[in-house]
C-alpha atoms as a PDB file:
ATOM      1  CA  UNK A   1    -112.795-106.937 223.404  1.00  0.00           C
ATOM      2  CA  UNK A   2    -115.836-104.805 222.946  1.00  0.00           C
ATOM      3  CA  UNK A   3    -113.735-101.908 223.280  1.00  0.00           C
ATOM      4  CA  UNK A   4    -111.572-103.186 220.380  1.00  0.00           C
ATOM      5  CA  UNK A   5    -114.640-103.339 218.418  1.00  0.00           C
ATOM      6  CA  UNK A   6    -115.745 -99.976 219.132  1.00  0.00           C
ATOM      7  CA  UNK A   7    -111.816 -98.652 218.522  1.00  0.00           C
ATOM      8  CA  UNK A   8    -111.699-100.362 215.064  1.00  0.00           C
ATOM      9  CA  UNK A   9    -115.263 -99.030 214.052  1.00  0.00           C
ATOM     10  CA  UNK A  10    -114.102 -95.332 214.564  1.00  0.00           C
ATOM     11  CA  UNK A  11    -110.955 -96.317 212.215  1.00  0.00           C
ATOM     12  CA  UNK A  12    -113.703 -97.644 209.476  1.00  0.00           C
ATOM     13  CA  UNK A  13    -115.890 -94.773 209.776  1.00  0.00           C
ATOM     14  CA  UNK A  14    -112.638 -92.428 209.548  1.00  0.00           C
ATOM     15  CA  UNK A  15    -111.069 -94.032 206.672  1.00  0.00           C
ATOM     16  CA  UNK A  16    -114.620 -94.019 204.902  1.00  0.00           C
ATOM     17  CA  UNK A  17    -114.746 -90.265 205.220  1.00  0.00           C
ATOM     18  CA  UNK A  18    -111.124 -90.209 203.987  1.00  0.00           C
ATOM     19  CA  UNK A  19    -112.259 -92.123 200.501  1.00  0.00           C
ATOM     20  CA  UNK A  20    -115.436 -89.797 200.267  1.00  0.00           C
ATOM     21  CA  UNK A  21    -112.894 -87.181 200.152  1.00  0.00           C
ATOM     22  CA  UNK A  22    -110.213 -88.511 197.924  1.00  0.00           C
ATOM     23  CA  UNK A  23    -113.192 -89.663 195.683  1.00  0.00           C
ATOM     24  CA  UNK A  24    -114.281 -86.030 195.256  1.00  0.00           C
ATOM     25  CA  UNK A  25    -110.854 -84.891 194.569  1.00  0.00           C
ATOM     26  CA  UNK A  26    -110.459 -87.534 191.784  1.00  0.00           C
ATOM     27  CA  UNK A  27    -113.886 -86.544 190.184  1.00  0.00           C
ATOM     28  CA  UNK A  28    -112.743 -82.977 190.108  1.00  0.00           C
ATOM     29  CA  UNK A  29    -109.340 -83.639 188.226  1.00  0.00           C
ATOM     30  CA  UNK A  30    -110.669 -81.442 185.150  1.00  0.00           C
ATOM     31  CA  UNK A  31    -112.625 -78.964 187.056  1.00  0.00           C
ATOM     32  CA  UNK A  32    -111.108 -75.170 186.414  1.00  0.00           C
ATOM     33  CA  UNK A  33    -109.658 -73.798 189.488  1.00  0.00           C
ATOM     34  CA  UNK A  34    -110.587 -76.847 191.950  1.00  0.00           C
ATOM     35  CA  UNK A  35    -108.299 -76.853 194.983  1.00  0.00           C
ATOM     36  CA  UNK A  36    -107.537 -80.171 196.432  1.00  0.00           C
ATOM     37  CA  UNK A  37    -109.137 -81.188 199.822  1.00  0.00           C
ATOM     38  CA  UNK A  38    -107.685 -83.394 202.257  1.00  0.00           C
ATOM     39  CA  UNK A  39    -108.966 -85.101 205.424  1.00  0.00           C
ATOM     40  CA  UNK A  40    -107.234 -84.262 208.743  1.00  0.00           C
ATOM     41  CA  UNK A  41    -107.484 -87.085 211.349  1.00  0.00           C
ATOM     42  CA  UNK A  42    -107.573 -86.784 215.174  1.00  0.00           C
ATOM     43  CA  UNK A  43    -107.668 -89.180 217.911  1.00  0.00           C
ATOM     44  CA  UNK A  44    -110.239 -89.598 220.460  1.00  0.00           C
ATOM     45  CA  UNK A  45    -110.304 -89.270 224.275  1.00  0.00           C
ATOM     46  CA  UNK A  46    -108.120 -91.544 226.308  1.00  0.00           C
ATOM     47  CA  UNK A  47    -109.014 -94.041 229.085  1.00  0.00           C
ATOM     48  CA  UNK A  48    -106.617 -93.035 231.834  1.00  0.00           C
ATOM     49  CA  UNK A  49    -106.070 -96.378 233.983  1.00  0.00           C
ATOM     50  CA  UNK A  50    -103.004 -95.170 235.484  1.00  0.00           C
ATOM     51  CA  UNK A  51    -102.278 -91.435 235.146  1.00  0.00           C
ATOM     52  CA  UNK A  52     -99.262 -90.029 233.991  1.00  0.00           C
ATOM     53  CA  UNK A  53     -97.315 -88.676 236.931  1.00  0.00           C
ATOM     54  CA  UNK A  54     -99.563 -90.815 239.285  1.00  0.00           C
ATOM     55  CA  UNK A  55     -98.300 -92.055 242.799  1.00  0.00           C
ATOM     56  CA  UNK A  56     -97.066 -95.822 242.448  1.00  0.00           C
ATOM     57  CA  UNK A  57     -96.209 -96.206 246.161  1.00  0.00           C
ATOM     58  CA  UNK A  58     -95.904 -95.052 249.663  1.00  0.00           C
ATOM     59  CA  UNK A  59     -92.469 -93.749 248.981  1.00  0.00           C
ATOM     60  CA  UNK A  60     -93.935 -91.030 246.602  1.00  0.00           C
ATOM     61  CA  UNK A  61     -92.562 -92.796 243.566  1.00  0.00           C
ATOM     62  CA  UNK A  62     -94.313 -91.448 240.257  1.00  0.00           C
ATOM     63  CA  UNK A  63     -95.431 -93.166 237.168  1.00  0.00           C
ATOM     64  CA  UNK A  64     -93.316 -91.759 234.127  1.00  0.00           C
ATOM     65  CA  UNK A  65     -95.699 -92.763 231.248  1.00  0.00           C
ATOM     66  CA  UNK A  66     -98.683 -93.957 233.126  1.00  0.00           C
ATOM     67  CA  UNK A  67    -101.572 -96.421 231.362  1.00  0.00           C
ATOM     68  CA  UNK A  68    -103.824 -94.854 228.865  1.00  0.00           C
ATOM     69  CA  UNK A  69    -105.907 -96.623 226.443  1.00  0.00           C
ATOM     70  CA  UNK A  70    -106.827 -94.480 222.942  1.00  0.00           C
ATOM     71  CA  UNK A  71    -110.557 -94.920 222.197  1.00  0.00           C
ATOM     72  CA  UNK A  72    -110.169 -94.392 218.388  1.00  0.00           C
ATOM     73  CA  UNK A  73    -110.078 -91.896 215.871  1.00  0.00           C
ATOM     74  CA  UNK A  74    -112.232 -89.388 213.945  1.00  0.00           C
ATOM     75  CA  UNK A  75    -111.791 -86.881 210.875  1.00  0.00           C
ATOM     76  CA  UNK A  76    -111.197 -83.543 212.657  1.00  0.00           C
ATOM     77  CA  UNK A  77    -111.506 -81.362 209.370  1.00  0.00           C
ATOM     78  CA  UNK A  78    -110.949 -81.364 205.773  1.00  0.00           C
ATOM     79  CA  UNK A  79    -108.535 -78.554 204.570  1.00  0.00           C
ATOM     80  CA  UNK A  80    -107.863 -77.018 200.928  1.00  0.00           C
ATOM     81  CA  UNK A  81    -104.656 -76.922 199.473  1.00  0.00           C
ATOM     82  CA  UNK A  82    -104.500 -74.022 197.951  1.00  0.00           C
ATOM     83  CA  UNK A  83    -101.170 -74.405 195.873  1.00  0.00           C
ATOM     84  CA  UNK A  84    -101.163 -73.183 192.254  1.00  0.00           C
ATOM     85  CA  UNK A  85    -102.678 -75.191 189.507  1.00  0.00           C
ATOM     86  CA  UNK A  86    -101.277 -75.550 185.909  1.00  0.00           C
ATOM     87  CA  UNK A  87    -102.157 -73.066 183.291  1.00  0.00           C
ATOM     88  CA  UNK A  88    -103.956 -74.386 180.240  1.00  0.00           C
ATOM     89  CA  UNK A  89    -104.070 -72.204 176.912  1.00  0.00           C
ATOM     90  CA  UNK A  90    -107.603 -72.302 175.705  1.00  0.00           C
ATOM     91  CA  UNK A  91    -107.189 -69.659 172.852  1.00  0.00           C
ATOM     92  CA  UNK A  92    -110.449 -67.796 174.115  1.00  0.00           C
ATOM     93  CA  UNK A  93    -110.124 -64.242 175.090  1.00  0.00           C
ATOM     94  CA  UNK A  94    -112.532 -64.382 177.513  1.00  0.00           C
ATOM     95  CA  UNK A  95    -110.925 -66.982 179.379  1.00  0.00           C
ATOM     96  CA  UNK A  96    -108.697 -65.676 182.390  1.00  0.00           C
ATOM     97  CA  UNK A  97    -106.676 -67.461 184.986  1.00  0.00           C
ATOM     98  CA  UNK A  98    -104.605 -66.091 187.906  1.00  0.00           C
ATOM     99  CA  UNK A  99    -100.912 -66.798 188.407  1.00  0.00           C
ATOM    100  CA  UNK A 100    -100.383 -66.255 192.197  1.00  0.00           C
ATOM    101  CA  UNK A 101    -102.844 -64.938 194.885  1.00  0.00           C
ATOM    102  CA  UNK A 102    -106.312 -63.761 194.665  1.00  0.00           C
ATOM    103  CA  UNK A 103    -109.929 -64.555 193.681  1.00  0.00           C
ATOM    104  CA  UNK A 104    -112.377 -63.030 191.113  1.00  0.00           C
ATOM    105  CA  UNK A 105    -115.341 -61.275 192.559  1.00  0.00           C
ATOM    106  CA  UNK A 106    -118.724 -62.868 191.407  1.00  0.00           C
ATOM    107  CA  UNK A 107    -122.117 -61.180 192.326  1.00  0.00           C
ATOM    108  CA  UNK A 108    -124.946 -63.844 192.953  1.00  0.00           C
ATOM    109  CA  UNK A 109    -128.451 -63.464 191.988  1.00  0.00           C
ATOM    110  CA  UNK A 110    -129.171 -62.667 195.723  1.00  0.00           C
ATOM    111  CA  UNK A 111    -126.856 -59.809 195.323  1.00  0.00           C
ATOM    112  CA  UNK A 112    -123.872 -61.392 197.747  1.00  0.00           C
ATOM    113  CA  UNK A 113    -120.615 -61.965 196.782  1.00  0.00           C
ATOM    114  CA  UNK A 114    -118.858 -64.925 196.170  1.00  0.00           C
ATOM    115  CA  UNK A 115    -115.167 -65.609 195.003  1.00  0.00           C
ATOM    116  CA  UNK A 116    -113.747 -67.800 192.471  1.00  0.00           C
ATOM    117  CA  UNK A 117    -110.392 -68.927 190.749  1.00  0.00           C
ATOM    118  CA  UNK A 118    -112.596 -70.026 187.497  1.00  0.00           C
ATOM    119  CA  UNK A 119    -111.888 -67.668 184.757  1.00  0.00           C
ATOM    120  CA  UNK A 120    -113.911 -69.080 182.213  1.00  0.00           C
ATOM    121  CA  UNK A 121    -116.088 -66.076 181.577  1.00  0.00           C
ATOM    122  CA  UNK A 122    -118.466 -65.115 178.682  1.00  0.00           C
ATOM    123  CA  UNK A 123    -120.858 -62.228 177.387  1.00  0.00           C
ATOM    124  CA  UNK A 124    -124.500 -62.242 178.281  1.00  0.00           C
ATOM    125  CA  UNK A 125    -127.347 -60.829 176.036  1.00  0.00           C
ATOM    126  CA  UNK A 126    -126.329 -57.388 177.669  1.00  0.00           C
ATOM    127  CA  UNK A 127    -122.676 -57.520 176.731  1.00  0.00           C
ATOM    128  CA  UNK A 128    -121.903 -57.933 180.468  1.00  0.00           C
ATOM    129  CA  UNK A 129    -119.118 -60.186 181.270  1.00  0.00           C
ATOM    130  CA  UNK A 130    -120.325 -63.147 183.424  1.00  0.00           C
ATOM    131  CA  UNK A 131    -119.330 -66.626 184.519  1.00  0.00           C
ATOM    132  CA  UNK A 132    -120.678 -69.468 182.596  1.00  0.00           C
ATOM    133  CA  UNK A 133    -123.511 -69.449 184.956  1.00  0.00           C
ATOM    134  CA  UNK A 134    -124.720 -66.363 184.036  1.00  0.00           C
ATOM    135  CA  UNK A 135    -123.294 -64.583 187.536  1.00  0.00           C
ATOM    136  CA  UNK A 136    -122.353 -61.156 186.655  1.00  0.00           C
ATOM    137  CA  UNK A 137    -118.339 -60.160 187.097  1.00  0.00           C
ATOM    138  CA  UNK A 138    -117.704 -57.622 189.760  1.00  0.00           C
ATOM    139  CA  UNK A 139    -116.312 -55.143 188.883  1.00  0.00           C
ATOM    140  CA  UNK A 140    -118.910 -55.181 185.995  1.00  0.00           C
ATOM    141  CA  UNK A 141    -117.522 -54.920 182.820  1.00  0.00           C
ATOM    142  CA  UNK A 142    -119.895 -53.892 179.746  1.00  0.00           C
ATOM    143  CA  UNK A 143    -118.322 -54.842 176.047  1.00  0.00           C
ATOM    144  CA  UNK A 144    -120.050 -52.752 173.331  1.00  0.00           C
ATOM    145  CA  UNK A 145    -121.792 -54.833 170.305  1.00  0.00           C
ATOM    146  CA  UNK A 146    -119.242 -53.456 167.880  1.00  0.00           C
ATOM    147  CA  UNK A 147    -116.169 -54.066 169.929  1.00  0.00           C
ATOM    148  CA  UNK A 148    -113.263 -55.997 168.628  1.00  0.00           C
ATOM    149  CA  UNK A 149    -109.660 -57.224 170.100  1.00  0.00           C
ATOM    150  CA  UNK A 150    -110.985 -57.777 173.554  1.00  0.00           C
ATOM    151  CA  UNK A 151    -107.940 -57.483 175.613  1.00  0.00           C
ATOM    152  CA  UNK A 152    -106.885 -58.019 179.433  1.00  0.00           C
ATOM    153  CA  UNK A 153    -103.434 -57.229 180.292  1.00  0.00           C
ATOM    154  CA  UNK A 154    -101.297 -58.744 183.490  1.00  0.00           C
ATOM    155  CA  UNK A 155    -102.400 -56.047 185.698  1.00  0.00           C
ATOM    156  CA  UNK A 156    -106.181 -56.326 185.068  1.00  0.00           C
ATOM    157  CA  UNK A 157    -106.702 -53.438 182.446  1.00  0.00           C
ATOM    158  CA  UNK A 158    -109.350 -54.468 180.398  1.00  0.00           C
ATOM    159  CA  UNK A 159    -109.993 -52.655 176.903  1.00  0.00           C
ATOM    160  CA  UNK A 160    -111.171 -53.550 173.182  1.00  0.00           C
ATOM    161  CA  UNK A 161    -111.176 -51.614 170.091  1.00  0.00           C
ATOM    162  CA  UNK A 162    -114.653 -49.784 169.166  1.00  0.00           C
ATOM    163  CA  UNK A 163    -114.657 -48.234 165.742  1.00  0.00           C
ATOM    164  CA  UNK A 164    -110.831 -49.002 165.689  1.00  0.00           C
ATOM    165  CA  UNK A 165    -110.225 -46.832 168.484  1.00  0.00           C
ATOM    166  CA  UNK A 166    -108.935 -48.453 171.709  1.00  0.00           C
ATOM    167  CA  UNK A 167    -111.175 -48.150 174.677  1.00  0.00           C
ATOM    168  CA  UNK A 168    -110.811 -48.643 178.438  1.00  0.00           C
ATOM    169  CA  UNK A 169    -113.505 -51.030 179.753  1.00  0.00           C
ATOM    170  CA  UNK A 170    -112.208 -51.269 183.184  1.00  0.00           C
ATOM    171  CA  UNK A 171    -109.808 -52.847 185.635  1.00  0.00           C
ATOM    172  CA  UNK A 172    -110.167 -56.210 187.145  1.00  0.00           C
ATOM    173  CA  UNK A 173    -109.387 -56.512 190.880  1.00  0.00           C
ATOM    174  CA  UNK A 174    -108.495 -59.340 193.005  1.00  0.00           C
ATOM    175  CA  UNK A 175    -109.319 -60.404 196.503  1.00  0.00           C
ATOM    176  CA  UNK A 176    -107.051 -62.056 198.965  1.00  0.00           C
ATOM    177  CA  UNK A 177    -107.659 -63.590 202.268  1.00  0.00           C
ATOM    178  CA  UNK A 178    -105.435 -64.178 205.217  1.00  0.00           C
ATOM    179  CA  UNK A 179    -106.876 -67.594 205.423  1.00  0.00           C
ATOM    180  CA  UNK A 180    -107.612 -68.902 201.930  1.00  0.00           C
ATOM    181  CA  UNK A 181    -108.272 -72.368 203.487  1.00  0.00           C
ATOM    182  CA  UNK A 182    -111.014 -70.954 205.381  1.00  0.00           C
ATOM    183  CA  UNK A 183    -113.155 -70.061 202.541  1.00  0.00           C
ATOM    184  CA  UNK A 184    -116.473 -72.117 202.259  1.00  0.00           C
ATOM    185  CA  UNK A 185    -116.943 -74.149 199.190  1.00  0.00           C
ATOM    186  CA  UNK A 186    -120.724 -73.467 197.759  1.00  0.00           C
ATOM    187  CA  UNK A 187    -120.563 -75.459 194.670  1.00  0.00           C
ATOM    188  CA  UNK A 188    -120.182 -73.939 191.081  1.00  0.00           C
ATOM    189  CA  UNK A 189    -116.358 -73.411 191.494  1.00  0.00           C
ATOM    190  CA  UNK A 190    -117.450 -70.604 194.238  1.00  0.00           C
ATOM    191  CA  UNK A 191    -116.481 -69.750 197.651  1.00  0.00           C
ATOM    192  CA  UNK A 192    -117.686 -67.767 200.203  1.00  0.00           C
ATOM    193  CA  UNK A 193    -116.208 -65.499 202.966  1.00  0.00           C
ATOM    194  CA  UNK A 194    -116.234 -66.903 206.418  1.00  0.00           C
ATOM    195  CA  UNK A 195    -115.097 -65.603 209.699  1.00  0.00           C
ATOM    196  CA  UNK A 196    -112.148 -68.160 209.657  1.00  0.00           C
ATOM    197  CA  UNK A 197    -110.971 -66.835 206.061  1.00  0.00           C
ATOM    198  CA  UNK A 198    -111.039 -63.062 207.397  1.00  0.00           C
ATOM    199  CA  UNK A 199    -112.415 -60.038 205.245  1.00  0.00           C
ATOM    200  CA  UNK A 200    -111.001 -59.927 201.713  1.00  0.00           C
ATOM    201  CA  UNK A 201    -108.559 -57.282 200.697  1.00  0.00           C
ATOM    202  CA  UNK A 202    -109.085 -56.177 197.197  1.00  0.00           C
ATOM    203  CA  UNK A 203    -105.720 -55.149 195.171  1.00  0.00           C
ATOM    204  CA  UNK A 204    -104.819 -54.459 191.544  1.00  0.00           C
ATOM    205  CA  UNK A 205    -103.115 -57.600 189.961  1.00  0.00           C
ATOM    206  CA  UNK A 206     -99.400 -57.451 190.626  1.00  0.00           C
ATOM    207  CA  UNK A 207     -99.729 -55.187 193.514  1.00  0.00           C
ATOM    208  CA  UNK A 208     -99.627 -55.751 197.023  1.00  0.00           C
ATOM    209  CA  UNK A 209     -98.730 -59.347 196.773  1.00  0.00           C
ATOM    210  CA  UNK A 210    -101.795 -60.143 194.484  1.00  0.00           C
ATOM    211  CA  UNK A 211    -101.054 -62.495 191.404  1.00  0.00           C
ATOM    212  CA  UNK A 212    -101.076 -61.527 187.720  1.00  0.00           C
ATOM    213  CA  UNK A 213    -103.738 -62.403 185.214  1.00  0.00           C
ATOM    214  CA  UNK A 214    -103.198 -64.476 182.169  1.00  0.00           C
ATOM    215  CA  UNK A 215    -105.594 -63.892 179.269  1.00  0.00           C
ATOM    216  CA  UNK A 216    -106.595 -66.984 177.061  1.00  0.00           C
ATOM    217  CA  UNK A 217    -105.670 -69.367 179.981  1.00  0.00           C
ATOM    218  CA  UNK A 218    -107.517 -71.269 182.496  1.00  0.00           C
ATOM    219  CA  UNK A 219    -106.057 -72.470 185.592  1.00  0.00           C
ATOM    220  CA  UNK A 220    -106.411 -76.613 185.923  1.00  0.00           C
ATOM    221  CA  UNK A 221    -107.261 -78.419 189.061  1.00  0.00           C
ATOM    222  CA  UNK A 222    -104.521 -78.589 191.635  1.00  0.00           C
ATOM    223  CA  UNK A 223    -105.304 -82.514 192.006  1.00  0.00           C
ATOM    224  CA  UNK A 224    -102.403 -84.814 191.651  1.00  0.00           C
ATOM    225  CA  UNK A 225    -104.030 -87.921 190.188  1.00  0.00           C
ATOM    226  CA  UNK A 226    -100.839 -90.352 191.157  1.00  0.00           C
ATOM    227  CA  UNK A 227    -100.915 -89.054 194.503  1.00  0.00           C
ATOM    228  CA  UNK A 228    -104.443 -89.457 195.221  1.00  0.00           C
ATOM    229  CA  UNK A 229    -104.564 -92.802 193.698  1.00  0.00           C
ATOM    230  CA  UNK A 230    -101.700 -93.796 196.191  1.00  0.00           C
ATOM    231  CA  UNK A 231    -103.663 -92.399 198.903  1.00  0.00           C
ATOM    232  CA  UNK A 232    -106.963 -93.886 197.924  1.00  0.00           C
ATOM    233  CA  UNK A 233    -105.153 -97.358 198.074  1.00  0.00           C
ATOM    234  CA  UNK A 234    -103.570 -96.314 201.479  1.00  0.00           C
ATOM    235  CA  UNK A 235    -107.054 -95.791 202.909  1.00  0.00           C
ATOM    236  CA  UNK A 236    -108.272 -98.792 201.620  1.00  0.00           C
ATOM    237  CA  UNK A 237    -105.416-100.841 203.236  1.00  0.00           C
ATOM    238  CA  UNK A 238    -106.445 -98.902 206.548  1.00  0.00           C
ATOM    239  CA  UNK A 239    -109.882 -99.829 206.170  1.00  0.00           C
ATOM    240  CA  UNK A 240    -109.104-103.539 205.770  1.00  0.00           C
ATOM    241  CA  UNK A 241    -106.941-103.430 208.803  1.00  0.00           C
ATOM    242  CA  UNK A 242    -109.625-102.219 210.745  1.00  0.00           C
ATOM    243  CA  UNK A 243    -112.076-104.634 209.619  1.00  0.00           C
ATOM    244  CA  UNK A 244    -109.418-107.241 210.406  1.00  0.00           C
ATOM    245  CA  UNK A 245    -109.142-106.011 214.025  1.00  0.00           C
ATOM    246  CA  UNK A 246    -112.962-106.329 214.215  1.00  0.00           C
ATOM    247  CA  UNK A 247    -112.545-110.176 213.034  1.00  0.00           C
ATOM    248  CA  UNK A 248    -109.898-110.815 215.618  1.00  0.00           C
ATOM    249  CA  UNK A 249    -111.543-109.364 218.470  1.00  0.00           C
ATOM    250  CA  UNK A 250    -114.804-111.379 217.389  1.00  0.00           C
ATOM    251  CA  UNK A 251    -112.741-114.811 217.335  1.00  0.00           C
ATOM    252  CA  UNK A 252    -111.297-113.726 220.634  1.00  0.00           C
ATOM    253  CA  UNK A 253    -114.794-113.290 222.177  1.00  0.00           C
ATOM    254  CA  UNK A 254    -115.799-116.493 220.551  1.00  0.00           C
ATOM    255  CA  UNK A 255    -112.851-118.389 222.385  1.00  0.00           C
ATOM    256  CA  UNK A 256    -113.790-116.643 225.663  1.00  0.00           C
ATOM    257  CA  UNK A 257    -117.476-117.986 225.214  1.00  0.00           C
ATOM    258  CA  UNK A 258    -115.957-121.500 224.898  1.00  0.00           C
ATOM    259  CA  UNK A 259    -114.122-121.337 227.873  1.00  0.00           C
ATOM    260  CA  UNK A 260    -116.875-120.318 229.911  1.00  0.00           C
END
């Protein structure tokens, strides 16, 4: 019975972690470029009372299935769903969305590079294109003070009119990873490269498998609110069932104590 208590406790702990992950998804329903996370469960080690294929008689017969008792469950990992979010028209020329694969490159204050799907950009005091936190866009794009009609094409070509003359301000490139789910979340809608993600491959939008850029649009969170609520209810029921196992095991222990 004590083993049942421990097993049910692992189930409750795993479902609590699952609820934590789901609550973070729901909290980020309106976060630009947010990618939904999911908990992946794994069973724990097994207690082998009779090994599979163990000899069961002097005649050499073998146990076809054996007798194994599982010792519970744990959350093995959380993984990101990188599916495309819906594009929302903002009417702001400095808002950019990626349709397809790829990430914008951002230079952090310490000089390291981060990656994002959040294209809500602005201009700083020097006319540089930056994120809403003030981080520099990479490659750097500088917009002259007297520039008008800021334009970004689907292939990333940035231009503006300066003294009524169209001027090329640069070209946006996108970074792609072999394993996008292996990127590390560092907050502020930013990701960091890891060994699991692999090194980035930079490409011009619409080339080498990279997505295209939509100006005056932002990519919405890819969290499905209805599916998230359904999963939340399922997690709650699983938590309740595990707590019920603990109550049942406790009642059985009480019965055993009374018999003694």
